[in-house]
Amino acid sequence: MGNLRPAPAALTPQRIDSLFAALDGRESAYVIDTLERLGLPEAEIARLFALAKRIDRKPLAVAGALISIALETVEAHG
């Protein structure tokens, strides 16, 4: 416990919130870029983000699960 130090006074809750918002924005941009590379149009990416938010999951995890389900379905009927 000797390594614990109080946070600098300039590190306010508002600054922490801003930092997390910036990190979330960067992650969202990365996820959107990845989904665009997969060929998903903007409307479907928006639907995916809405679904992920509704079920409280990360959009990329939801996309991965949906791709797995689709592959299984196609392979079972192909």
PDB file of N, CA and C in Angstrom:
ATOM      1  N   MET A   1       0.823  -1.196   0.000  1.00  0.00           N
ATOM      2  CA  MET A   1       0.000   0.000   0.000  1.00  0.00           C
ATOM      3  C   MET A   1       0.864   1.256   0.000  1.00  0.00           C
ATOM      4  N   GLY A   2       2.180   1.113   0.065  1.00  0.00           N
ATOM      5  CA  GLY A   2       3.053   2.258   0.058  1.00  0.00           C
ATOM      6  C   GLY A   2       3.079   2.984  -1.276  1.00  0.00           C
ATOM      7  N   ASN A   3       2.607   2.355  -2.349  1.00  0.00           N
ATOM      8  CA  ASN A   3       2.619   2.979  -3.676  1.00  0.00           C
ATOM      9  C   ASN A   3       1.402   3.855  -3.930  1.00  0.00           C
ATOM     10  N   LEU A   4       0.434   3.823  -3.056  1.00  0.00           N
ATOM     11  CA  LEU A   4      -0.780   4.608  -3.273  1.00  0.00           C
ATOM     12  C   LEU A   4      -0.532   6.062  -2.928  1.00  0.00           C
ATOM     13  N   ARG A   5      -0.879   6.927  -3.858  1.00  0.00           N
ATOM     14  CA  ARG A   5      -0.744   8.358  -3.649  1.00  0.00           C
ATOM     15  C   ARG A   5      -2.065   9.009  -3.985  1.00  0.00           C
ATOM     16  N   PRO A   6      -2.369  10.124  -3.372  1.00  0.00           N
ATOM     17  CA  PRO A   6      -3.612  10.819  -3.745  1.00  0.00           C
ATOM     18  C   PRO A   6      -3.503  11.337  -5.172  1.00  0.00           C
ATOM     19  N   ALA A   7      -4.623  11.398  -5.840  1.00  0.00           N
ATOM     20  CA  ALA A   7      -4.651  11.918  -7.210  1.00  0.00           C
ATOM     21  C   ALA A   7      -4.302  13.395  -7.196  1.00  0.00           C
ATOM     22  N   PRO A   8      -3.673  13.882  -8.256  1.00  0.00           N
ATOM     23  CA  PRO A   8      -3.380  15.314  -8.319  1.00  0.00           C
ATOM     24  C   PRO A   8      -4.666  16.127  -8.227  1.00  0.00           C
ATOM     25  N   ALA A   9      -4.575  17.282  -7.636  1.00  0.00           N
ATOM     26  CA  ALA A   9      -5.764  18.126  -7.460  1.00  0.00           C
ATOM     27  C   ALA A   9      -6.414  18.471  -8.797  1.00  0.00           C
ATOM     28  N   ALA A  10      -5.616  18.563  -9.858  1.00  0.00           N
ATOM     29  CA  ALA A  10      -6.161  18.930 -11.171  1.00  0.00           C
ATOM     30  C   ALA A  10      -6.966  17.806 -11.812  1.00  0.00           C
ATOM     31  N   LEU A  11      -6.890  16.611 -11.250  1.00  0.00           N
ATOM     32  CA  LEU A  11      -7.625  15.472 -11.809  1.00  0.00           C
ATOM     33  C   LEU A  11      -9.022  15.436 -11.188  1.00  0.00           C
ATOM     34  N   THR A  12      -9.893  16.239 -11.750  1.00  0.00           N
ATOM     35  CA  THR A  12     -11.253  16.377 -11.227  1.00  0.00           C
ATOM     36  C   THR A  12     -12.160  15.317 -11.843  1.00  0.00           C
ATOM     37  N   PRO A  13     -13.293  15.071 -11.230  1.00  0.00           N
ATOM     38  CA  PRO A  13     -14.253  14.127 -11.831  1.00  0.00           C
ATOM     39  C   PRO A  13     -14.640  14.499 -13.259  1.00  0.00           C
ATOM     40  N   GLN A  14     -14.728  15.806 -13.545  1.00  0.00           N
ATOM     41  CA  GLN A  14     -15.078  16.235 -14.904  1.00  0.00           C
ATOM     42  C   GLN A  14     -13.976  15.853 -15.887  1.00  0.00           C
ATOM     43  N   ARG A  15     -12.719  15.981 -15.472  1.00  0.00           N
ATOM     44  CA  ARG A  15     -11.616  15.603 -16.355  1.00  0.00           C
ATOM     45  C   ARG A  15     -11.578  14.094 -16.570  1.00  0.00           C
ATOM     46  N   ILE A  16     -11.879  13.351 -15.534  1.00  0.00           N
ATOM     47  CA  ILE A  16     -11.928  11.895 -15.667  1.00  0.00           C
ATOM     48  C   ILE A  16     -13.041  11.509 -16.629  1.00  0.00           C
ATOM     49  N   ASP A  17     -14.207  12.138 -16.500  1.00  0.00           N
ATOM     50  CA  ASP A  17     -15.317  11.871 -17.419  1.00  0.00           C
ATOM     51  C   ASP A  17     -14.925  12.218 -18.859  1.00  0.00           C
ATOM     52  N   SER A  18     -14.219  13.314 -19.048  1.00  0.00           N
ATOM     53  CA  SER A  18     -13.773  13.708 -20.388  1.00  0.00           C
ATOM     54  C   SER A  18     -12.801  12.688 -20.958  1.00  0.00           C
ATOM     55  N   LEU A  19     -11.916  12.198 -20.120  1.00  0.00           N
ATOM     56  CA  LEU A  19     -10.948  11.185 -20.568  1.00  0.00           C
ATOM     57  C   LEU A  19     -11.666   9.915 -21.004  1.00  0.00           C
ATOM     58  N   PHE A  20     -12.618   9.456 -20.186  1.00  0.00           N
ATOM     59  CA  PHE A  20     -13.365   8.253 -20.553  1.00  0.00           C
ATOM     60  C   PHE A  20     -14.195   8.475 -21.818  1.00  0.00           C
ATOM     61  N   ALA A  21     -14.768   9.652 -21.976  1.00  0.00           N
ATOM     62  CA  ALA A  21     -15.541   9.953 -23.185  1.00  0.00           C
ATOM     63  C   ALA A  21     -14.633   9.915 -24.420  1.00  0.00           C
ATOM     64  N   ALA A  22     -13.424  10.443 -24.290  1.00  0.00           N
ATOM     65  CA  ALA A  22     -12.479  10.418 -25.410  1.00  0.00           C
ATOM     66  C   ALA A  22     -12.086   8.987 -25.752  1.00  0.00           C
ATOM     67  N   LEU A  23     -11.851   8.174 -24.733  1.00  0.00           N
ATOM     68  CA  LEU A  23     -11.503   6.770 -24.974  1.00  0.00           C
ATOM     69  C   LEU A  23     -12.664   6.023 -25.616  1.00  0.00           C
ATOM     70  N   ASP A  24     -13.890   6.284 -25.142  1.00  0.00           N
ATOM     71  CA  ASP A  24     -15.071   5.654 -25.747  1.00  0.00           C
ATOM     72  C   ASP A  24     -15.226   6.080 -27.201  1.00  0.00           C
ATOM     73  N   GLY A  25     -14.982   7.351 -27.478  1.00  0.00           N
ATOM     74  CA  GLY A  25     -15.080   7.843 -28.851  1.00  0.00           C
ATOM     75  C   GLY A  25     -14.064   7.186 -29.755  1.00  0.00           C
ATOM     76  N   ARG A  26     -12.852   7.010 -29.251  1.00  0.00           N
ATOM     77  CA  ARG A  26     -11.805   6.354 -30.048  1.00  0.00           C
ATOM     78  C   ARG A  26     -12.174   4.891 -30.304  1.00  0.00           C
ATOM     79  N   GLU A  27     -12.689   4.206 -29.277  1.00  0.00           N
ATOM     80  CA  GLU A  27     -13.093   2.808 -29.449  1.00  0.00           C
ATOM     81  C   GLU A  27     -14.240   2.705 -30.451  1.00  0.00           C
ATOM     82  N   SER A  28     -15.205   3.615 -30.359  1.00  0.00           N
ATOM     83  CA  SER A  28     -16.327   3.601 -31.301  1.00  0.00           C
ATOM     84  C   SER A  28     -15.844   3.814 -32.728  1.00  0.00           C
ATOM     85  N   ALA A  29     -14.901   4.726 -32.911  1.00  0.00           N
ATOM     86  CA  ALA A  29     -14.366   4.978 -34.255  1.00  0.00           C
ATOM     87  C   ALA A  29     -13.673   3.728 -34.791  1.00  0.00           C
ATOM     88  N   TYR A  30     -12.936   3.042 -33.928  1.00  0.00           N
ATOM     89  CA  TYR A  30     -12.262   1.802 -34.335  1.00  0.00           C
ATOM     90  C   TYR A  30     -13.293   0.740 -34.728  1.00  0.00           C
ATOM     91  N   VAL A  31     -14.335   0.592 -33.934  1.00  0.00           N
ATOM     92  CA  VAL A  31     -15.368  -0.408 -34.216  1.00  0.00           C
ATOM     93  C   VAL A  31     -16.080  -0.069 -35.524  1.00  0.00           C
ATOM     94  N   ILE A  32     -16.428   1.194 -35.712  1.00  0.00           N
ATOM     95  CA  ILE A  32     -17.098   1.602 -36.951  1.00  0.00           C
ATOM     96  C   ILE A  32     -16.207   1.317 -38.153  1.00  0.00           C
ATOM     97  N   ASP A  33     -14.933   1.643 -38.054  1.00  0.00           N
ATOM     98  CA  ASP A  33     -13.995   1.368 -39.152  1.00  0.00           C
ATOM     99  C   ASP A  33     -13.938  -0.125 -39.452  1.00  0.00           C
ATOM    100  N   THR A  34     -13.891  -0.939 -38.413  1.00  0.00           N
ATOM    101  CA  THR A  34     -13.843  -2.399 -38.590  1.00  0.00           C
ATOM    102  C   THR A  34     -15.101  -2.901 -39.278  1.00  0.00           C
ATOM    103  N   LEU A  35     -16.255  -2.427 -38.845  1.00  0.00           N
ATOM    104  CA  LEU A  35     -17.516  -2.873 -39.441  1.00  0.00           C
ATOM    105  C   LEU A  35     -17.656  -2.386 -40.880  1.00  0.00           C
ATOM    106  N   GLU A  36     -17.159  -1.186 -41.164  1.00  0.00           N
ATOM    107  CA  GLU A  36     -17.168  -0.701 -42.556  1.00  0.00           C
ATOM    108  C   GLU A  36     -16.289  -1.571 -43.434  1.00  0.00           C
ATOM    109  N   ARG A  37     -15.152  -2.006 -42.906  1.00  0.00           N
ATOM    110  CA  ARG A  37     -14.256  -2.887 -43.673  1.00  0.00           C
ATOM    111  C   ARG A  37     -14.916  -4.232 -43.957  1.00  0.00           C
ATOM    112  N   LEU A  38     -15.828  -4.641 -43.081  1.00  0.00           N
ATOM    113  CA  LEU A  38     -16.576  -5.876 -43.317  1.00  0.00           C
ATOM    114  C   LEU A  38     -17.667  -5.683 -44.368  1.00  0.00           C
ATOM    115  N   GLY A  39     -17.908  -4.440 -44.738  1.00  0.00           N
ATOM    116  CA  GLY A  39     -18.883  -4.157 -45.775  1.00  0.00           C
ATOM    117  C   GLY A  39     -20.253  -3.762 -45.272  1.00  0.00           C
ATOM    118  N   LEU A  40     -20.381  -3.517 -43.968  1.00  0.00           N
ATOM    119  CA  LEU A  40     -21.685  -3.117 -43.444  1.00  0.00           C
ATOM    120  C   LEU A  40     -21.967  -1.658 -43.783  1.00  0.00           C
ATOM    121  N   PRO A  41     -23.165  -1.374 -44.274  1.00  0.00           N
ATOM    122  CA  PRO A  41     -23.518   0.024 -44.542  1.00  0.00           C
ATOM    123  C   PRO A  41     -23.784   0.773 -43.227  1.00  0.00           C
ATOM    124  N   GLU A  42     -23.772   2.078 -43.316  1.00  0.00           N
ATOM    125  CA  GLU A  42     -23.941   2.943 -42.146  1.00  0.00           C
ATOM    126  C   GLU A  42     -25.230   2.637 -41.371  1.00  0.00           C
ATOM    127  N   ALA A  43     -26.309   2.373 -42.085  1.00  0.00           N
ATOM    128  CA  ALA A  43     -27.588   2.099 -41.425  1.00  0.00           C
ATOM    129  C   ALA A  43     -27.519   0.825 -40.571  1.00  0.00           C
ATOM    130  N   GLU A  44     -26.853  -0.196 -41.082  1.00  0.00           N
ATOM    131  CA  GLU A  44     -26.739  -1.439 -40.318  1.00  0.00           C
ATOM    132  C   GLU A  44     -25.782  -1.285 -39.140  1.00  0.00           C
ATOM    133  N   ILE A  45     -24.756  -0.477 -39.308  1.00  0.00           N
ATOM    134  CA  ILE A  45     -23.849  -0.211 -38.190  1.00  0.00           C
ATOM    135  C   ILE A  45     -24.617   0.494 -37.074  1.00  0.00           C
ATOM    136  N   ALA A  46     -25.465   1.440 -37.439  1.00  0.00           N
ATOM    137  CA  ALA A  46     -26.277   2.143 -36.450  1.00  0.00           C
ATOM    138  C   ALA A  46     -27.217   1.173 -35.729  1.00  0.00           C
ATOM    139  N   ARG A  47     -27.818   0.261 -36.489  1.00  0.00           N
ATOM    140  CA  ARG A  47     -28.695  -0.752 -35.867  1.00  0.00           C
ATOM    141  C   ARG A  47     -27.922  -1.628 -34.909  1.00  0.00           C
ATOM    142  N   LEU A  48     -26.700  -2.003 -35.285  1.00  0.00           N
ATOM    143  CA  LEU A  48     -25.858  -2.836 -34.441  1.00  0.00           C
ATOM    144  C   LEU A  48     -25.511  -2.114 -33.142  1.00  0.00           C
ATOM    145  N   PHE A  49     -25.138  -0.834 -33.237  1.00  0.00           N
ATOM    146  CA  PHE A  49     -24.836  -0.043 -32.038  1.00  0.00           C
ATOM    147  C   PHE A  49     -26.067   0.072 -31.145  1.00  0.00           C
ATOM    148  N   ALA A  50     -27.241   0.284 -31.750  1.00  0.00           N
ATOM    149  CA  ALA A  50     -28.478   0.394 -30.964  1.00  0.00           C
ATOM    150  C   ALA A  50     -28.782  -0.921 -30.243  1.00  0.00           C
ATOM    151  N   LEU A  51     -28.606  -2.040 -30.941  1.00  0.00           N
ATOM    152  CA  LEU A  51     -28.839  -3.345 -30.323  1.00  0.00           C
ATOM    153  C   LEU A  51     -27.856  -3.579 -29.180  1.00  0.00           C
ATOM    154  N   ALA A  52     -26.593  -3.275 -29.414  1.00  0.00           N
ATOM    155  CA  ALA A  52     -25.572  -3.461 -28.381  1.00  0.00           C
ATOM    156  C   ALA A  52     -25.893  -2.629 -27.138  1.00  0.00           C
ATOM    157  N   LYS A  53     -26.331  -1.403 -27.359  1.00  0.00           N
ATOM    158  CA  LYS A  53     -26.693  -0.545 -26.230  1.00  0.00           C
ATOM    159  C   LYS A  53     -27.891  -1.107 -25.485  1.00  0.00           C
ATOM    160  N   ARG A  54     -28.881  -1.578 -26.238  1.00  0.00           N
ATOM    161  CA  ARG A  54     -30.102  -2.113 -25.627  1.00  0.00           C
ATOM    162  C   ARG A  54     -29.820  -3.330 -24.759  1.00  0.00           C
ATOM    163  N   ILE A  55     -28.868  -4.187 -25.178  1.00  0.00           N
ATOM    164  CA  ILE A  55     -28.579  -5.393 -24.407  1.00  0.00           C
ATOM    165  C   ILE A  55     -27.322  -5.239 -23.545  1.00  0.00           C
ATOM    166  N   ASP A  56     -26.793  -4.013 -23.499  1.00  0.00           N
ATOM    167  CA  ASP A  56     -25.641  -3.671 -22.651  1.00  0.00           C
ATOM    168  C   ASP A  56     -24.417  -4.524 -22.965  1.00  0.00           C
ATOM    169  N   ARG A  57     -24.062  -4.562 -24.249  1.00  0.00           N
ATOM    170  CA  ARG A  57     -22.875  -5.284 -24.707  1.00  0.00           C
ATOM    171  C   ARG A  57     -22.063  -4.374 -25.618  1.00  0.00           C
ATOM    172  N   LYS A  58     -20.825  -4.749 -25.873  1.00  0.00           N
ATOM    173  CA  LYS A  58     -19.969  -4.005 -26.792  1.00  0.00           C
ATOM    174  C   LYS A  58     -20.400  -4.319 -28.226  1.00  0.00           C
ATOM    175  N   PRO A  59     -20.445  -3.303 -29.102  1.00  0.00           N
ATOM    176  CA  PRO A  59     -20.877  -3.530 -30.486  1.00  0.00           C
ATOM    177  C   PRO A  59     -20.060  -4.589 -31.228  1.00  0.00           C
ATOM    178  N   LEU A  60     -18.760  -4.618 -31.017  1.00  0.00           N
ATOM    179  CA  LEU A  60     -17.937  -5.600 -31.722  1.00  0.00           C
ATOM    180  C   LEU A  60     -18.244  -7.016 -31.240  1.00  0.00           C
ATOM    181  N   ALA A  61     -18.540  -7.172 -29.962  1.00  0.00           N
ATOM    182  CA  ALA A  61     -18.916  -8.493 -29.433  1.00  0.00           C
ATOM    183  C   ALA A  61     -20.245  -8.946 -30.028  1.00  0.00           C
ATOM    184  N   VAL A  62     -21.186  -8.019 -30.162  1.00  0.00           N
ATOM    185  CA  VAL A  62     -22.484  -8.348 -30.762  1.00  0.00           C
ATOM    186  C   VAL A  62     -22.287  -8.726 -32.226  1.00  0.00           C
ATOM    187  N   ALA A  63     -21.463  -7.969 -32.944  1.00  0.00           N
ATOM    188  CA  ALA A  63     -21.190  -8.288 -34.350  1.00  0.00           C
ATOM    189  C   ALA A  63     -20.573  -9.669 -34.478  1.00  0.00           C
ATOM    190  N   GLY A  64     -19.631  -9.990 -33.616  1.00  0.00           N
ATOM    191  CA  GLY A  64     -19.005 -11.315 -33.644  1.00  0.00           C
ATOM    192  C   GLY A  64     -20.004 -12.423 -33.402  1.00  0.00           C
ATOM    193  N   ALA A  65     -20.882 -12.222 -32.434  1.00  0.00           N
ATOM    194  CA  ALA A  65     -21.902 -13.241 -32.141  1.00  0.00           C
ATOM    195  C   ALA A  65     -22.853 -13.413 -33.322  1.00  0.00           C
ATOM    196  N   LEU A  66     -23.257 -12.304 -33.922  1.00  0.00           N
ATOM    197  CA  LEU A  66     -24.166 -12.387 -35.076  1.00  0.00           C
ATOM    198  C   LEU A  66     -23.510 -13.074 -36.266  1.00  0.00           C
ATOM    199  N   ILE A  67     -22.236 -12.801 -36.495  1.00  0.00           N
ATOM    200  CA  ILE A  67     -21.518 -13.474 -37.586  1.00  0.00           C
ATOM    201  C   ILE A  67     -21.432 -14.969 -37.312  1.00  0.00           C
ATOM    202  N   SER A  68     -21.143 -15.359 -36.083  1.00  0.00           N
ATOM    203  CA  SER A  68     -21.080 -16.787 -35.725  1.00  0.00           C
ATOM    204  C   SER A  68     -22.413 -17.474 -35.962  1.00  0.00           C
ATOM    205  N   ILE A  69     -23.484 -16.827 -35.536  1.00  0.00           N
ATOM    206  CA  ILE A  69     -24.839 -17.389 -35.724  1.00  0.00           C
ATOM    207  C   ILE A  69     -25.143 -17.526 -37.218  1.00  0.00           C
ATOM    208  N   ALA A  70     -24.789 -16.490 -37.989  1.00  0.00           N
ATOM    209  CA  ALA A  70     -25.046 -16.537 -39.429  1.00  0.00           C
ATOM    210  C   ALA A  70     -24.258 -17.670 -40.094  1.00  0.00           C
ATOM    211  N   LEU A  71     -22.990 -17.822 -39.717  1.00  0.00           N
ATOM    212  CA  LEU A  71     -22.168 -18.894 -40.295  1.00  0.00           C
ATOM    213  C   LEU A  71     -22.756 -20.259 -39.976  1.00  0.00           C
ATOM    214  N   GLU A  72     -23.148 -20.460 -38.734  1.00  0.00           N
ATOM    215  CA  GLU A  72     -23.738 -21.743 -38.341  1.00  0.00           C
ATOM    216  C   GLU A  72     -25.005 -22.029 -39.126  1.00  0.00           C
ATOM    217  N   THR A  73     -25.830 -20.995 -39.301  1.00  0.00           N
ATOM    218  CA  THR A  73     -27.089 -21.150 -40.035  1.00  0.00           C
ATOM    219  C   THR A  73     -26.834 -21.506 -41.501  1.00  0.00           C
ATOM    220  N   VAL A  74     -25.931 -20.777 -42.128  1.00  0.00           N
ATOM    221  CA  VAL A  74     -25.616 -21.024 -43.534  1.00  0.00           C
ATOM    222  C   VAL A  74     -25.005 -22.402 -43.711  1.00  0.00           C
ATOM    223  N   GLU A  75     -24.087 -22.780 -42.836  1.00  0.00           N
ATOM    224  CA  GLU A  75     -23.455 -24.095 -42.943  1.00  0.00           C
ATOM    225  C   GLU A  75     -24.455 -25.224 -42.714  1.00  0.00           C
ATOM    226  N   ALA A  76     -25.409 -25.014 -41.837  1.00  0.00           N
ATOM    227  CA  ALA A  76     -26.400 -26.050 -41.560  1.00  0.00           C
ATOM    228  C   ALA A  76     -27.369 -26.250 -42.725  1.00  0.00           C
ATOM    229  N   HIS A  77     -27.588 -25.192 -43.485  1.00  0.00           N
ATOM    230  CA  HIS A  77     -28.524 -25.272 -44.606  1.00  0.00           C
ATOM    231  C   HIS A  77     -27.836 -25.323 -45.964  1.00  0.00           C
ATOM    232  N   GLY A  78     -26.517 -25.395 -45.959  1.00  0.00           N
ATOM    233  CA  GLY A  78     -25.774 -25.349 -47.218  1.00  0.00           C
ATOM    234  C   GLY A  78     -25.318 -26.676 -47.605  1.00  0.00           C
TER     235      GLY A  78
END
